[in-house]
Amino acid sequence: MRSILCLTPSSLAFVLGGAHFWRAGQYPFSVGCMLFALLVWRREAWIRQVTLVLLPLLAARWVWAAAQFVQIRMFMEQPWMRLACILLGVSLFTATAALLLEGKTGDAWYARGRKRALMRTAAFFGTIAILTPLLFVAPQVFLTERFLPGWAPLHILLAGFWASWVASRLGDRDAAPRTRLFIWRLFSVVFFVQLALGLAGYGLFLMTGNLHLPVPGMILAAPLYRGGGLFMPILFGVSVLLAGAAWCSHLCYFGVWDTVAASGRKAVPPPRWMSRLRPV
């Protein structure tokens, strides 16, 4: 019973936030709120940490909405006191819901996965922080935005969940090798499926709408051929410096198939004639 009394206000706060965003026409945020209204009932510790960040932000959103609506009512010379009390009351309720999760009941409920909770939370918010500026700079980067304009925020939210799951798996030494091969293979499959759809004439699956050879060697060969355009070599160089060997095991869409072909097989010595080809 204590757990229900502790978690219900948080879930209801997200439902109210979802209704607010839906009425405002911000449907991706509404879907996100409804998703968290369900997730607060899961016992993972990282869900609690994320919720303790989102609920104060949602409370601040209610305060901002109250200020906006009060200004409109005052400009139109309409009564605004009851409206302000309602919206500020919802904001106070949302903040109180976050405080309830800080108690012993919330600590006892969110007991699963505490060792990697901070890692998952950092991956979740880190991914969102990196991808959010793209909404204003290059929204066409998101595949969701090309088919459903305005829904890229939901795409970013789901990417945050994906990053959180990947971080938790890579943080487990036993599961890390399998997880690395899985996400590497999935990345390659998605890449080549999009390429195949682009070749079939569905230009929305291509980044710019123009086809180019998906060969890493073109990163250097293309600028040499054109005599300019150093963006890709610089991007490649910085990526290698930051990621090191992980560039080939996470960002290259060819290497995974070599790994899959070599997995589970014994090393075979090369033929004798190959030694004759060595210069020294």
C-alpha atoms as a PDB file:
ATOM      1  CA  MET A   1       0.000   0.000   0.000  1.00  0.00           C
ATOM      2  CA  ARG A   2       2.834   2.433   0.792  1.00  0.00           C
ATOM      3  CA  SER A   3       4.382   1.817  -2.604  1.00  0.00           C
ATOM      4  CA  ILE A   4       1.087   2.570  -4.331  1.00  0.00           C
ATOM      5  CA  LEU A   5       0.662   5.807  -2.392  1.00  0.00           C
ATOM      6  CA  CYS A   6       4.255   6.742  -3.239  1.00  0.00           C
ATOM      7  CA  LEU A   7       4.163   6.001  -6.967  1.00  0.00           C
ATOM      8  CA  THR A   8       0.617   7.003  -7.895  1.00  0.00           C
ATOM      9  CA  PRO A   9       1.257  10.787  -7.629  1.00  0.00           C
ATOM     10  CA  SER A  10       4.241  10.511  -9.981  1.00  0.00           C
ATOM     11  CA  SER A  11       2.269   8.498 -12.508  1.00  0.00           C
ATOM     12  CA  LEU A  12      -0.668  10.912 -12.286  1.00  0.00           C
ATOM     13  CA  ALA A  13       1.691  13.893 -12.667  1.00  0.00           C
ATOM     14  CA  PHE A  14       2.971  12.476 -15.948  1.00  0.00           C
ATOM     15  CA  VAL A  15      -0.604  11.819 -17.118  1.00  0.00           C
ATOM     16  CA  LEU A  16      -1.517  15.454 -16.413  1.00  0.00           C
ATOM     17  CA  GLY A  17       1.625  16.569 -18.240  1.00  0.00           C
ATOM     18  CA  GLY A  18       0.698  14.361 -21.185  1.00  0.00           C
ATOM     19  CA  ALA A  19      -2.775  15.902 -21.337  1.00  0.00           C
ATOM     20  CA  HIS A  20      -1.255  19.388 -21.253  1.00  0.00           C
ATOM     21  CA  PHE A  21       1.169  18.672 -24.105  1.00  0.00           C
ATOM     22  CA  TRP A  22      -1.564  16.963 -26.131  1.00  0.00           C
ATOM     23  CA  ARG A  23      -3.817  19.998 -25.861  1.00  0.00           C
ATOM     24  CA  ALA A  24      -0.889  22.200 -26.863  1.00  0.00           C
ATOM     25  CA  GLY A  25      -0.357  20.093 -29.991  1.00  0.00           C
ATOM     26  CA  GLN A  26       3.026  18.807 -28.806  1.00  0.00           C
ATOM     27  CA  TYR A  27       2.181  15.164 -29.362  1.00  0.00           C
ATOM     28  CA  PRO A  28       5.688  13.642 -29.003  1.00  0.00           C
ATOM     29  CA  PHE A  29       6.024  15.124 -25.503  1.00  0.00           C
ATOM     30  CA  SER A  30       2.558  13.850 -24.667  1.00  0.00           C
ATOM     31  CA  VAL A  31       3.495  10.320 -25.702  1.00  0.00           C
ATOM     32  CA  GLY A  32       6.714  10.613 -23.704  1.00  0.00           C
ATOM     33  CA  CYS A  33       4.817  11.634 -20.574  1.00  0.00           C
ATOM     34  CA  MET A  34       2.398   8.737 -20.935  1.00  0.00           C
ATOM     35  CA  LEU A  35       5.325   6.387 -21.381  1.00  0.00           C
ATOM     36  CA  PHE A  36       6.909   7.569 -18.140  1.00  0.00           C
ATOM     37  CA  ALA A  37       3.528   7.301 -16.404  1.00  0.00           C
ATOM     38  CA  LEU A  38       3.894   3.557 -16.954  1.00  0.00           C
ATOM     39  CA  LEU A  39       7.644   3.312 -16.412  1.00  0.00           C
ATOM     40  CA  VAL A  40       7.520   4.748 -12.889  1.00  0.00           C
ATOM     41  CA  TRP A  41       6.017   1.438 -11.791  1.00  0.00           C
ATOM     42  CA  ARG A  42       9.106  -0.490 -12.870  1.00  0.00           C
ATOM     43  CA  ARG A  43      11.588  -1.223 -10.121  1.00  0.00           C
ATOM     44  CA  GLU A  44      14.809  -0.224 -11.917  1.00  0.00           C
ATOM     45  CA  ALA A  45      16.835   2.295  -9.931  1.00  0.00           C
ATOM     46  CA  TRP A  46      17.740   4.349 -12.992  1.00  0.00           C
ATOM     47  CA  ILE A  47      14.028   5.006 -13.677  1.00  0.00           C
ATOM     48  CA  ARG A  48      13.829   6.684 -10.289  1.00  0.00           C
ATOM     49  CA  GLN A  49      16.856   8.875 -11.041  1.00  0.00           C
ATOM     50  CA  VAL A  50      15.449   9.941 -14.407  1.00  0.00           C
ATOM     51  CA  THR A  51      12.025  10.618 -12.886  1.00  0.00           C
ATOM     52  CA  LEU A  52      13.568  12.811 -10.189  1.00  0.00           C
ATOM     53  CA  VAL A  53      14.964  14.996 -12.961  1.00  0.00           C
ATOM     54  CA  LEU A  54      11.906  15.035 -15.209  1.00  0.00           C
ATOM     55  CA  LEU A  55       9.276  15.800 -12.587  1.00  0.00           C
ATOM     56  CA  PRO A  56      10.880  19.110 -11.471  1.00  0.00           C
ATOM     57  CA  LEU A  57      11.231  20.065 -15.139  1.00  0.00           C
ATOM     58  CA  LEU A  58       7.558  19.265 -15.639  1.00  0.00           C
ATOM     59  CA  ALA A  59       6.678  21.351 -12.578  1.00  0.00           C
ATOM     60  CA  ALA A  60       8.630  24.261 -14.064  1.00  0.00           C
ATOM     61  CA  ARG A  61       6.697  23.800 -17.298  1.00  0.00           C
ATOM     62  CA  TRP A  62       3.430  24.239 -15.389  1.00  0.00           C
ATOM     63  CA  VAL A  63       4.742  27.466 -13.854  1.00  0.00           C
ATOM     64  CA  TRP A  64       5.725  28.714 -17.324  1.00  0.00           C
ATOM     65  CA  ALA A  65       2.288  27.787 -18.701  1.00  0.00           C
ATOM     66  CA  ALA A  66       0.612  29.609 -15.804  1.00  0.00           C
ATOM     67  CA  ALA A  67       2.598  32.768 -16.542  1.00  0.00           C
ATOM     68  CA  GLN A  68       1.719  32.614 -20.241  1.00  0.00           C
ATOM     69  CA  PHE A  69      -1.992  32.056 -19.723  1.00  0.00           C
ATOM     70  CA  VAL A  70      -2.236  34.706 -17.021  1.00  0.00           C
ATOM     71  CA  GLN A  71      -0.661  37.266 -19.338  1.00  0.00           C
ATOM     72  CA  ILE A  72      -3.155  36.370 -22.057  1.00  0.00           C
ATOM     73  CA  ARG A  73      -6.093  36.630 -19.645  1.00  0.00           C
ATOM     74  CA  MET A  74      -4.871  39.956 -18.307  1.00  0.00           C
ATOM     75  CA  PHE A  75      -4.403  41.310 -21.835  1.00  0.00           C
ATOM     76  CA  MET A  76      -7.949  40.273 -22.715  1.00  0.00           C
ATOM     77  CA  GLU A  77      -9.219  41.709 -19.393  1.00  0.00           C
ATOM     78  CA  GLN A  78     -10.587  38.353 -18.295  1.00  0.00           C
ATOM     79  CA  PRO A  79     -10.458  36.764 -14.819  1.00  0.00           C
ATOM     80  CA  TRP A  80      -7.192  34.925 -14.256  1.00  0.00           C
ATOM     81  CA  MET A  81      -6.905  34.231 -10.529  1.00  0.00           C
ATOM     82  CA  ARG A  82      -8.597  30.800 -10.587  1.00  0.00           C
ATOM     83  CA  LEU A  83      -6.574  29.751 -13.649  1.00  0.00           C
ATOM     84  CA  ALA A  84      -3.320  30.697 -11.912  1.00  0.00           C
ATOM     85  CA  CYS A  85      -4.280  28.804  -8.759  1.00  0.00           C
ATOM     86  CA  ILE A  86      -5.126  25.655 -10.712  1.00  0.00           C
ATOM     87  CA  LEU A  87      -1.950  25.592 -12.772  1.00  0.00           C
ATOM     88  CA  LEU A  88       0.299  26.479  -9.840  1.00  0.00           C
ATOM     89  CA  GLY A  89      -1.485  23.813  -7.801  1.00  0.00           C
ATOM     90  CA  VAL A  90      -0.668  21.223 -10.476  1.00  0.00           C
ATOM     91  CA  SER A  91       2.944  22.412 -10.432  1.00  0.00           C
ATOM     92  CA  LEU A  92       3.089  21.998  -6.652  1.00  0.00           C
ATOM     93  CA  PHE A  93       1.528  18.540  -6.946  1.00  0.00           C
ATOM     94  CA  THR A  94       4.142  17.515  -9.529  1.00  0.00           C
ATOM     95  CA  ALA A  95       7.011  18.718  -7.348  1.00  0.00           C
ATOM     96  CA  THR A  96       5.534  16.936  -4.323  1.00  0.00           C
ATOM     97  CA  ALA A  97       5.331  13.708  -6.328  1.00  0.00           C
ATOM     98  CA  ALA A  98       9.084  13.935  -6.876  1.00  0.00           C
ATOM     99  CA  LEU A  99       9.695  14.461  -3.152  1.00  0.00           C
ATOM    100  CA  LEU A 100       7.709  11.311  -2.334  1.00  0.00           C
ATOM    101  CA  LEU A 101      10.107   9.242  -4.455  1.00  0.00           C
ATOM    102  CA  GLU A 102      13.013  10.487  -2.333  1.00  0.00           C
ATOM    103  CA  GLY A 103      11.675   8.769   0.765  1.00  0.00           C
ATOM    104  CA  LYS A 104      12.401   5.325   2.165  1.00  0.00           C
ATOM    105  CA  THR A 105       9.468   3.792   0.318  1.00  0.00           C
ATOM    106  CA  GLY A 106      10.787   4.946  -3.023  1.00  0.00           C
ATOM    107  CA  ASP A 107      14.270   3.786  -2.107  1.00  0.00           C
ATOM    108  CA  ALA A 108      12.962   0.332  -1.246  1.00  0.00           C
ATOM    109  CA  TRP A 109      10.853   0.083  -4.409  1.00  0.00           C
ATOM    110  CA  TYR A 110      13.585   1.050  -6.880  1.00  0.00           C
ATOM    111  CA  ALA A 111      16.089  -1.535  -5.698  1.00  0.00           C
ATOM    112  CA  ARG A 112      16.874  -3.291  -8.978  1.00  0.00           C
ATOM    113  CA  GLY A 113      20.092  -2.524 -10.867  1.00  0.00           C
ATOM    114  CA  ARG A 114      21.523   0.029  -8.462  1.00  0.00           C
ATOM    115  CA  LYS A 115      25.122  -0.712  -9.430  1.00  0.00           C
ATOM    116  CA  ARG A 116      24.657   0.512 -12.996  1.00  0.00           C
ATOM    117  CA  ALA A 117      21.856   3.020 -12.351  1.00  0.00           C
ATOM    118  CA  LEU A 118      24.071   6.102 -12.602  1.00  0.00           C
ATOM    119  CA  MET A 119      25.650   4.763 -15.793  1.00  0.00           C
ATOM    120  CA  ARG A 120      22.247   4.216 -17.395  1.00  0.00           C
ATOM    121  CA  THR A 121      20.990   7.634 -16.324  1.00  0.00           C
ATOM    122  CA  ALA A 122      24.091   9.339 -17.714  1.00  0.00           C
ATOM    123  CA  ALA A 123      23.728   7.468 -21.018  1.00  0.00           C
ATOM    124  CA  PHE A 124      20.050   8.439 -21.218  1.00  0.00           C
ATOM    125  CA  PHE A 125      20.508  12.162 -20.632  1.00  0.00           C
ATOM    126  CA  GLY A 126      23.843  12.289 -22.463  1.00  0.00           C
ATOM    127  CA  THR A 127      22.270  10.925 -25.637  1.00  0.00           C
ATOM    128  CA  ILE A 128      19.369  13.351 -25.401  1.00  0.00           C
ATOM    129  CA  ALA A 129      21.758  16.278 -24.810  1.00  0.00           C
ATOM    130  CA  ILE A 130      23.820  15.354 -27.879  1.00  0.00           C
ATOM    131  CA  LEU A 131      20.870  14.800 -30.223  1.00  0.00           C
ATOM    132  CA  THR A 132      18.629  17.690 -29.163  1.00  0.00           C
ATOM    133  CA  PRO A 133      20.681  20.451 -30.900  1.00  0.00           C
ATOM    134  CA  LEU A 134      20.175  18.590 -34.181  1.00  0.00           C
ATOM    135  CA  LEU A 135      16.477  19.451 -33.965  1.00  0.00           C
ATOM    136  CA  PHE A 136      17.399  23.056 -34.652  1.00  0.00           C
ATOM    137  CA  VAL A 137      20.430  22.534 -36.911  1.00  0.00           C
ATOM    138  CA  ALA A 138      19.573  19.523 -39.091  1.00  0.00           C
ATOM    139  CA  PRO A 139      16.227  17.920 -38.202  1.00  0.00           C
ATOM    140  CA  GLN A 140      16.305  15.862 -41.419  1.00  0.00           C
ATOM    141  CA  VAL A 141      18.968  13.690 -39.788  1.00  0.00           C
ATOM    142  CA  PHE A 142      16.158  11.912 -37.919  1.00  0.00           C
ATOM    143  CA  LEU A 143      14.338   9.365 -40.027  1.00  0.00           C
ATOM    144  CA  THR A 144      11.189   9.989 -37.982  1.00  0.00           C
ATOM    145  CA  GLU A 145      11.201  13.658 -38.980  1.00  0.00           C
ATOM    146  CA  ARG A 146      11.210  12.776 -42.697  1.00  0.00           C
ATOM    147  CA  PHE A 147       8.040  10.691 -42.421  1.00  0.00           C
ATOM    148  CA  LEU A 148       6.317  12.358 -39.447  1.00  0.00           C
ATOM    149  CA  PRO A 149       7.349  16.027 -39.225  1.00  0.00           C
ATOM    150  CA  GLY A 150       7.456  17.223 -35.646  1.00  0.00           C
ATOM    151  CA  TRP A 151       7.934  13.773 -34.090  1.00  0.00           C
ATOM    152  CA  ALA A 152      11.741  13.844 -33.839  1.00  0.00           C
ATOM    153  CA  PRO A 153      11.622  14.521 -30.039  1.00  0.00           C
ATOM    154  CA  LEU A 154      10.075  11.086 -29.559  1.00  0.00           C
ATOM    155  CA  HIS A 155      12.860   9.647 -31.723  1.00  0.00           C
ATOM    156  CA  ILE A 156      15.420  11.278 -29.412  1.00  0.00           C
ATOM    157  CA  LEU A 157      13.648   9.916 -26.327  1.00  0.00           C
ATOM    158  CA  LEU A 158      13.704   6.379 -27.707  1.00  0.00           C
ATOM    159  CA  ALA A 159      17.381   6.815 -28.570  1.00  0.00           C
ATOM    160  CA  GLY A 160      17.964   7.710 -24.920  1.00  0.00           C
ATOM    161  CA  PHE A 161      16.297   4.482 -23.807  1.00  0.00           C
ATOM    162  CA  TRP A 162      18.375   2.528 -26.306  1.00  0.00           C
ATOM    163  CA  ALA A 163      21.601   4.147 -25.048  1.00  0.00           C
ATOM    164  CA  SER A 164      20.637   3.360 -21.466  1.00  0.00           C
ATOM    165  CA  TRP A 165      20.077  -0.309 -22.277  1.00  0.00           C
ATOM    166  CA  VAL A 166      23.321  -0.567 -24.265  1.00  0.00           C
ATOM    167  CA  ALA A 167      25.272   1.064 -21.427  1.00  0.00           C
ATOM    168  CA  SER A 168      23.881  -1.396 -18.895  1.00  0.00           C
ATOM    169  CA  ARG A 169      24.782  -4.359 -21.100  1.00  0.00           C
ATOM    170  CA  LEU A 170      28.278  -3.111 -21.896  1.00  0.00           C
ATOM    171  CA  GLY A 171      28.814  -2.498 -18.189  1.00  0.00           C
ATOM    172  CA  ASP A 172      28.330  -6.225 -17.590  1.00  0.00           C
ATOM    173  CA  ARG A 173      31.574  -8.049 -18.386  1.00  0.00           C
ATOM    174  CA  ASP A 174      29.775 -11.303 -19.149  1.00  0.00           C
ATOM    175  CA  ALA A 175      27.218  -9.738 -21.481  1.00  0.00           C
ATOM    176  CA  ALA A 176      29.472  -7.116 -23.090  1.00  0.00           C
ATOM    177  CA  PRO A 177      30.954  -9.291 -25.904  1.00  0.00           C
ATOM    178  CA  ARG A 178      27.540 -10.526 -27.049  1.00  0.00           C
ATOM    179  CA  THR A 179      26.033  -7.058 -26.747  1.00  0.00           C
ATOM    180  CA  ARG A 180      28.848  -5.447 -28.728  1.00  0.00           C
ATOM    181  CA  LEU A 181      28.402  -7.928 -31.582  1.00  0.00           C
ATOM    182  CA  PHE A 182      24.605  -7.492 -31.479  1.00  0.00           C
ATOM    183  CA  ILE A 183      24.559  -3.699 -31.660  1.00  0.00           C
ATOM    184  CA  TRP A 184      27.326  -3.730 -34.285  1.00  0.00           C
ATOM    185  CA  ARG A 185      25.357  -6.185 -36.435  1.00  0.00           C
ATOM    186  CA  LEU A 186      22.108  -4.275 -35.942  1.00  0.00           C
ATOM    187  CA  PHE A 187      23.770  -1.030 -36.991  1.00  0.00           C
ATOM    188  CA  SER A 188      25.068  -2.642 -40.181  1.00  0.00           C
ATOM    189  CA  VAL A 189      21.711  -4.253 -41.006  1.00  0.00           C
ATOM    190  CA  VAL A 190      19.846  -0.967 -40.563  1.00  0.00           C
ATOM    191  CA  PHE A 191      22.430   0.846 -42.675  1.00  0.00           C
ATOM    192  CA  PHE A 192      22.271  -1.547 -45.611  1.00  0.00           C
ATOM    193  CA  VAL A 193      18.471  -1.841 -45.452  1.00  0.00           C
ATOM    194  CA  GLN A 194      18.228   1.949 -45.736  1.00  0.00           C
ATOM    195  CA  LEU A 195      20.746   1.870 -48.580  1.00  0.00           C
ATOM    196  CA  ALA A 196      18.743  -0.810 -50.396  1.00  0.00           C
ATOM    197  CA  LEU A 197      15.528   1.195 -49.989  1.00  0.00           C
ATOM    198  CA  GLY A 198      17.338   4.279 -51.272  1.00  0.00           C
ATOM    199  CA  LEU A 199      18.571   2.351 -54.327  1.00  0.00           C
ATOM    200  CA  ALA A 200      14.997   1.181 -54.886  1.00  0.00           C
ATOM    201  CA  GLY A 201      13.937   4.813 -55.288  1.00  0.00           C
ATOM    202  CA  TYR A 202      12.811   5.728 -51.773  1.00  0.00           C
ATOM    203  CA  GLY A 203      14.943   8.844 -51.333  1.00  0.00           C
ATOM    204  CA  LEU A 204      13.607   9.576 -47.848  1.00  0.00           C
ATOM    205  CA  PHE A 205      15.792   6.783 -46.497  1.00  0.00           C
ATOM    206  CA  LEU A 206      18.947   8.549 -47.723  1.00  0.00           C
ATOM    207  CA  MET A 207      20.608  11.211 -45.607  1.00  0.00           C
ATOM    208  CA  THR A 208      20.805  13.834 -48.359  1.00  0.00           C
ATOM    209  CA  GLY A 209      18.798  12.170 -51.115  1.00  0.00           C
ATOM    210  CA  ASN A 210      21.978  11.654 -53.188  1.00  0.00           C
ATOM    211  CA  LEU A 211      23.600   8.252 -53.513  1.00  0.00           C
ATOM    212  CA  HIS A 212      27.315   7.716 -52.938  1.00  0.00           C
ATOM    213  CA  LEU A 213      29.456   4.634 -52.558  1.00  0.00           C
ATOM    214  CA  PRO A 214      29.261   3.391 -48.924  1.00  0.00           C
ATOM    215  CA  VAL A 215      32.972   2.598 -48.796  1.00  0.00           C
ATOM    216  CA  PRO A 216      35.103   3.933 -45.908  1.00  0.00           C
ATOM    217  CA  GLY A 217      37.970   4.404 -48.374  1.00  0.00           C
ATOM    218  CA  MET A 218      35.902   7.093 -50.110  1.00  0.00           C
ATOM    219  CA  ILE A 219      36.410   9.263 -47.023  1.00  0.00           C
ATOM    220  CA  LEU A 220      39.897  10.030 -48.323  1.00  0.00           C
ATOM    221  CA  ALA A 221      39.490   9.239 -52.026  1.00  0.00           C
ATOM    222  CA  ALA A 222      36.509  11.542 -52.613  1.00  0.00           C
ATOM    223  CA  PRO A 223      38.221  14.766 -51.404  1.00  0.00           C
ATOM    224  CA  LEU A 224      41.312  13.886 -53.441  1.00  0.00           C
ATOM    225  CA  TYR A 225      39.169  13.360 -56.521  1.00  0.00           C
ATOM    226  CA  ARG A 226      37.169  16.557 -56.028  1.00  0.00           C
ATOM    227  CA  GLY A 227      40.158  18.578 -54.884  1.00  0.00           C
ATOM    228  CA  GLY A 228      38.294  19.821 -51.811  1.00  0.00           C
ATOM    229  CA  GLY A 229      35.739  19.019 -49.165  1.00  0.00           C
ATOM    230  CA  LEU A 230      37.615  17.989 -46.036  1.00  0.00           C
ATOM    231  CA  PHE A 231      34.614  17.592 -43.732  1.00  0.00           C
ATOM    232  CA  MET A 232      34.514  13.783 -43.854  1.00  0.00           C
ATOM    233  CA  PRO A 233      38.293  13.285 -43.359  1.00  0.00           C
ATOM    234  CA  ILE A 234      38.192  15.634 -40.366  1.00  0.00           C
ATOM    235  CA  LEU A 235      35.124  13.851 -38.965  1.00  0.00           C
ATOM    236  CA  PHE A 236      36.795  10.492 -39.505  1.00  0.00           C
ATOM    237  CA  GLY A 237      40.043  11.630 -37.872  1.00  0.00           C
ATOM    238  CA  VAL A 238      38.300  13.067 -34.818  1.00  0.00           C
ATOM    239  CA  SER A 239      36.156   9.921 -34.488  1.00  0.00           C
ATOM    240  CA  VAL A 240      39.211   7.677 -34.562  1.00  0.00           C
ATOM    241  CA  LEU A 241      40.990   9.835 -31.984  1.00  0.00           C
ATOM    242  CA  LEU A 242      37.988   9.719 -29.659  1.00  0.00           C
ATOM    243  CA  ALA A 243      36.863   6.141 -30.228  1.00  0.00           C
ATOM    244  CA  GLY A 244      40.132   4.404 -31.118  1.00  0.00           C
ATOM    245  CA  ALA A 245      39.621   0.774 -32.085  1.00  0.00           C
ATOM    246  CA  ALA A 246      35.936   1.150 -31.214  1.00  0.00           C
ATOM    247  CA  TRP A 247      35.507   2.981 -34.540  1.00  0.00           C
ATOM    248  CA  CYS A 248      35.838  -0.323 -36.378  1.00  0.00           C
ATOM    249  CA  SER A 249      33.731  -2.263 -33.883  1.00  0.00           C
ATOM    250  CA  HIS A 250      30.885   0.245 -33.525  1.00  0.00           C
ATOM    251  CA  LEU A 251      30.883   2.742 -36.404  1.00  0.00           C
ATOM    252  CA  CYS A 252      32.046   0.678 -39.397  1.00  0.00           C
ATOM    253  CA  TYR A 253      29.244  -1.141 -41.214  1.00  0.00           C
ATOM    254  CA  PHE A 254      31.507  -3.668 -42.971  1.00  0.00           C
ATOM    255  CA  GLY A 255      33.680  -5.071 -40.194  1.00  0.00           C
ATOM    256  CA  VAL A 256      30.854  -6.865 -38.385  1.00  0.00           C
ATOM    257  CA  TRP A 257      30.368  -9.329 -41.239  1.00  0.00           C
ATOM    258  CA  ASP A 258      34.035 -10.254 -41.103  1.00  0.00           C
ATOM    259  CA  THR A 259      33.618 -10.859 -37.379  1.00  0.00           C
ATOM    260  CA  VAL A 260      30.479 -12.943 -37.912  1.00  0.00           C
ATOM    261  CA  ALA A 261      32.241 -15.033 -40.556  1.00  0.00           C
ATOM    262  CA  ALA A 262      35.207 -15.626 -38.254  1.00  0.00           C
ATOM    263  CA  SER A 263      33.195 -16.364 -35.101  1.00  0.00           C
ATOM    264  CA  GLY A 264      33.370 -19.931 -33.861  1.00  0.00           C
ATOM    265  CA  ARG A 265      35.989 -21.037 -36.376  1.00  0.00           C
ATOM    266  CA  LYS A 266      39.504 -22.255 -35.752  1.00  0.00           C
ATOM    267  CA  ALA A 267      42.387 -20.280 -37.154  1.00  0.00           C
ATOM    268  CA  VAL A 268      43.554 -21.703 -40.463  1.00  0.00           C
ATOM    269  CA  PRO A 269      47.212 -21.170 -41.466  1.00  0.00           C
ATOM    270  CA  PRO A 270      47.704 -19.400 -44.803  1.00  0.00           C
ATOM    271  CA  PRO A 271      48.912 -21.425 -47.839  1.00  0.00           C
ATOM    272  CA  ARG A 272      52.656 -21.868 -48.244  1.00  0.00           C
ATOM    273  CA  TRP A 273      52.737 -19.987 -51.539  1.00  0.00           C
ATOM    274  CA  MET A 274      51.638 -16.796 -49.780  1.00  0.00           C
ATOM    275  CA  SER A 275      54.969 -16.616 -47.939  1.00  0.00           C
ATOM    276  CA  ARG A 276      56.734 -16.247 -51.311  1.00  0.00           C
ATOM    277  CA  LEU A 277      54.836 -13.011 -51.957  1.00  0.00           C
ATOM    278  CA  ARG A 278      56.445 -11.258 -49.017  1.00  0.00           C
ATOM    279  CA  PRO A 279      59.000  -8.642 -50.118  1.00  0.00           C
ATOM    280  CA  VAL A 280      61.373  -9.557 -47.283  1.00  0.00           C
END
